[in-house]
C-alpha atoms as a PDB file:
ATOM      1  CA  MET A   1      59.894 -56.867 -24.200  1.00  0.00           C
ATOM      2  CA  LYS A   2      62.717 -55.863 -21.882  1.00  0.00           C
ATOM      3  CA  LYS A   3      62.463 -52.282 -23.099  1.00  0.00           C
ATOM      4  CA  VAL A   4      58.707 -52.157 -22.358  1.00  0.00           C
ATOM      5  CA  ILE A   5      59.178 -53.524 -18.850  1.00  0.00           C
ATOM      6  CA  ALA A   6      62.055 -51.128 -18.235  1.00  0.00           C
ATOM      7  CA  THR A   7      59.896 -48.186 -19.423  1.00  0.00           C
ATOM      8  CA  LEU A   8      57.028 -49.251 -17.159  1.00  0.00           C
ATOM      9  CA  ILE A   9      59.327 -49.558 -14.142  1.00  0.00           C
ATOM     10  CA  ALA A  10      60.920 -46.180 -14.893  1.00  0.00           C
ATOM     11  CA  GLY A  11      57.425 -44.678 -15.174  1.00  0.00           C
ATOM     12  CA  LEU A  12      56.488 -46.191 -11.814  1.00  0.00           C
ATOM     13  CA  PHE A  13      59.513 -44.646 -10.134  1.00  0.00           C
ATOM     14  CA  ALA A  14      58.861 -41.272 -11.769  1.00  0.00           C
ATOM     15  CA  THR A  15      55.216 -41.336 -10.658  1.00  0.00           C
ATOM     16  CA  ALA A  16      56.215 -42.261  -7.119  1.00  0.00           C
ATOM     17  CA  ALA A  17      58.731 -39.418  -7.019  1.00  0.00           C
ATOM     18  CA  PHE A  18      56.183 -36.836  -8.149  1.00  0.00           C
ATOM     19  CA  ALA A  19      53.518 -38.179  -5.819  1.00  0.00           C
ATOM     20  CA  GLN A  20      55.769 -37.590  -2.802  1.00  0.00           C
ATOM     21  CA  THR A  21      56.556 -33.985  -3.677  1.00  0.00           C
ATOM     22  CA  PRO A  22      54.663 -31.746  -1.242  1.00  0.00           C
ATOM     23  CA  ALA A  23      52.330 -29.156  -2.697  1.00  0.00           C
ATOM     24  CA  ALA A  24      53.355 -25.542  -2.462  1.00  0.00           C
ATOM     25  CA  PRO A  25      52.122 -24.194   0.880  1.00  0.00           C
ATOM     26  CA  VAL A  26      49.519 -21.435   0.748  1.00  0.00           C
ATOM     27  CA  PRO A  27      50.833 -18.282   2.389  1.00  0.00           C
ATOM     28  CA  ALA A  28      49.111 -17.448   5.663  1.00  0.00           C
ATOM     29  CA  LYS A  29      48.149 -13.948   4.473  1.00  0.00           C
ATOM     30  CA  VAL A  30      46.311 -15.324   1.452  1.00  0.00           C
ATOM     31  CA  GLU A  31      44.490 -17.874   3.578  1.00  0.00           C
ATOM     32  CA  ALA A  32      43.551 -15.222   6.154  1.00  0.00           C
ATOM     33  CA  ALA A  33      42.267 -12.900   3.424  1.00  0.00           C
ATOM     34  CA  HIS A  34      40.191 -15.730   2.004  1.00  0.00           C
ATOM     35  CA  THR A  35      38.742 -16.559   5.408  1.00  0.00           C
ATOM     36  CA  LYS A  36      37.951 -12.894   6.034  1.00  0.00           C
ATOM     37  CA  ALA A  37      36.195 -12.606   2.659  1.00  0.00           C
ATOM     38  CA  VAL A  38      34.139 -15.726   3.351  1.00  0.00           C
ATOM     39  CA  VAL A  39      33.100 -14.473   6.795  1.00  0.00           C
ATOM     40  CA  LYS A  40      32.202 -11.076   5.340  1.00  0.00           C
ATOM     41  CA  ALA A  41      30.091 -12.697   2.623  1.00  0.00           C
ATOM     42  CA  ASP A  42      28.305 -14.864   5.202  1.00  0.00           C
ATOM     43  CA  ALA A  43      27.586 -11.797   7.343  1.00  0.00           C
ATOM     44  CA  LYS A  44      26.171  -9.891   4.369  1.00  0.00           C
ATOM     45  CA  GLU A  45      24.006 -12.859   3.465  1.00  0.00           C
ATOM     46  CA  ALA A  46      22.701 -13.144   7.020  1.00  0.00           C
ATOM     47  CA  GLN A  47      21.981  -9.418   7.104  1.00  0.00           C
ATOM     48  CA  ALA A  48      20.101  -9.617   3.795  1.00  0.00           C
ATOM     49  CA  VAL A  49      18.055 -12.562   5.066  1.00  0.00           C
ATOM     50  CA  VAL A  50      17.154 -10.694   8.260  1.00  0.00           C
ATOM     51  CA  LYS A  51      16.169  -7.617   6.242  1.00  0.00           C
ATOM     52  CA  ALA A  52      13.998  -9.699   3.933  1.00  0.00           C
ATOM     53  CA  ASP A  53      12.310 -11.433   6.870  1.00  0.00           C
ATOM     54  CA  ALA A  54      11.636  -8.085   8.547  1.00  0.00           C
ATOM     55  CA  LYS A  55      10.190  -6.677   5.335  1.00  0.00           C
ATOM     56  CA  GLU A  56       7.965  -9.721   4.955  1.00  0.00           C
ATOM     57  CA  ALA A  57       6.792  -9.482   8.558  1.00  0.00           C
ATOM     58  CA  LYS A  58       6.052  -5.786   8.092  1.00  0.00           C
ATOM     59  CA  ALA A  59       3.996  -6.566   4.983  1.00  0.00           C
ATOM     60  CA  VAL A  60       2.066  -9.249   6.856  1.00  0.00           C
ATOM     61  CA  VAL A  61       1.334  -6.850   9.713  1.00  0.00           C
ATOM     62  CA  ALA A  62       0.237  -4.172   7.250  1.00  0.00           C
ATOM     63  CA  ALA A  63      -2.031  -6.649   5.498  1.00  0.00           C
ATOM     64  CA  LYS A  64      -3.546  -7.798   8.801  1.00  0.00           C
ATOM     65  CA  THR A  65      -4.062  -4.160   9.803  1.00  0.00           C
ATOM     66  CA  GLU A  66      -5.773  -3.438   6.502  1.00  0.00           C
ATOM     67  CA  VAL A  67      -8.034  -6.471   6.938  1.00  0.00           C
ATOM     68  CA  ALA A  68      -8.901  -5.439  10.481  1.00  0.00           C
ATOM     69  CA  SER A  69      -9.575  -1.886   9.320  1.00  0.00           C
ATOM     70  CA  ALA A  70     -11.785  -3.147   6.504  1.00  0.00           C
ATOM     71  CA  LYS A  71     -13.691  -5.373   8.941  1.00  0.00           C
ATOM     72  CA  THR A  72     -14.198  -2.436  11.310  1.00  0.00           C
ATOM     73  CA  GLU A  73     -15.408  -0.224   8.459  1.00  0.00           C
ATOM     74  CA  ALA A  74     -17.746  -2.962   7.249  1.00  0.00           C
ATOM     75  CA  THR A  75     -19.174  -3.398  10.744  1.00  0.00           C
ATOM     76  CA  ALA A  76     -19.725   0.345  11.055  1.00  0.00           C
ATOM     77  CA  THR A  77     -21.374   0.498   7.642  1.00  0.00           C
ATOM     78  CA  LYS A  78     -23.643  -2.417   8.514  1.00  0.00           C
ATOM     79  CA  ALA A  79     -24.600  -0.742  11.785  1.00  0.00           C
ATOM     80  CA  LYS A  80     -25.427   2.512   9.989  1.00  0.00           C
ATOM     81  CA  ALA A  81     -27.490   0.674   7.395  1.00  0.00           C
ATOM     82  CA  HIS A  82     -29.342  -1.226  10.103  1.00  0.00           C
ATOM     83  CA  HIS A  83     -29.994   2.020  11.995  1.00  0.00           C
ATOM     84  CA  LYS A  84     -31.261   3.782   8.843  1.00  0.00           C
ATOM     85  CA  ALA A  85     -33.515   0.858   7.971  1.00  0.00           C
ATOM     86  CA  LYS A  86     -34.909   0.771  11.512  1.00  0.00           C
ATOM     87  CA  LYS A  87     -35.545   4.531  11.347  1.00  0.00           C
ATOM     88  CA  ALA A  88     -37.259   4.227   7.954  1.00  0.00           C
ATOM     89  CA  LYS A  89     -39.447   1.373   9.226  1.00  0.00           C
ATOM     90  CA  ALA A  90     -40.417   3.426  12.279  1.00  0.00           C
ATOM     91  CA  LYS A  91     -41.259   6.407  10.062  1.00  0.00           C
ATOM     92  CA  ALA A  92     -43.347   4.182   7.783  1.00  0.00           C
ATOM     93  CA  ASP A  93     -45.142   2.733  10.819  1.00  0.00           C
ATOM     94  CA  GLU A  94     -45.879   6.287  12.063  1.00  0.00           C
ATOM     95  CA  LYS A  95     -47.277   7.290   8.663  1.00  0.00           C
ATOM     96  CA  LEU A  96     -49.453   4.171   8.616  1.00  0.00           C
ATOM     97  CA  ALA A  97     -50.688   4.822  12.146  1.00  0.00           C
ATOM     98  CA  SER A  98     -51.484   8.464  11.403  1.00  0.00           C
ATOM     99  CA  ALA A  99     -53.195   7.551   8.130  1.00  0.00           C
ATOM    100  CA  THR A 100     -55.199   4.886   9.959  1.00  0.00           C
ATOM    101  CA  ALA A 101     -56.102   7.341  12.725  1.00  0.00           C
ATOM    102  CA  GLU A 102     -57.272   9.953  10.165  1.00  0.00           C
ATOM    103  CA  ALA A 103     -59.212   7.352   8.217  1.00  0.00           C
ATOM    104  CA  ALA A 104     -60.965   5.954  11.318  1.00  0.00           C
ATOM    105  CA  PRO A 105     -62.839   9.177  12.261  1.00  0.00           C
ATOM    106  CA  ALA A 106     -63.867   9.701   8.651  1.00  0.00           C
ATOM    107  CA  ALA A 107     -65.262   6.134   8.485  1.00  0.00           C
ATOM    108  CA  ALA A 108     -67.156   6.645  11.748  1.00  0.00           C
ATOM    109  CA  LYS A 109     -69.218   9.540  10.323  1.00  0.00           C
END
């Protein structure tokens, strides 16, 4: 039992000695290079995000422009169709009036 207790105490002292040993310091150049790489990566990420947002905004604007253009074309087409229909109705009314006018003198005889 004395040997077990002695081994445990020796292990405690050994653990305490290793726990107090300071870790090897990181050289300043390595730390600076790491910081620079991290900053560079963050900048590239930010730039990519900005580019993606700009591309998305451009697509939205293009889509809105296309919708507006389609609406304008549809309005113009509707106006032309309305105008043609009005013209055709007027022409049909003229034909009816002239046919009625020709038929009236013939009926009066």
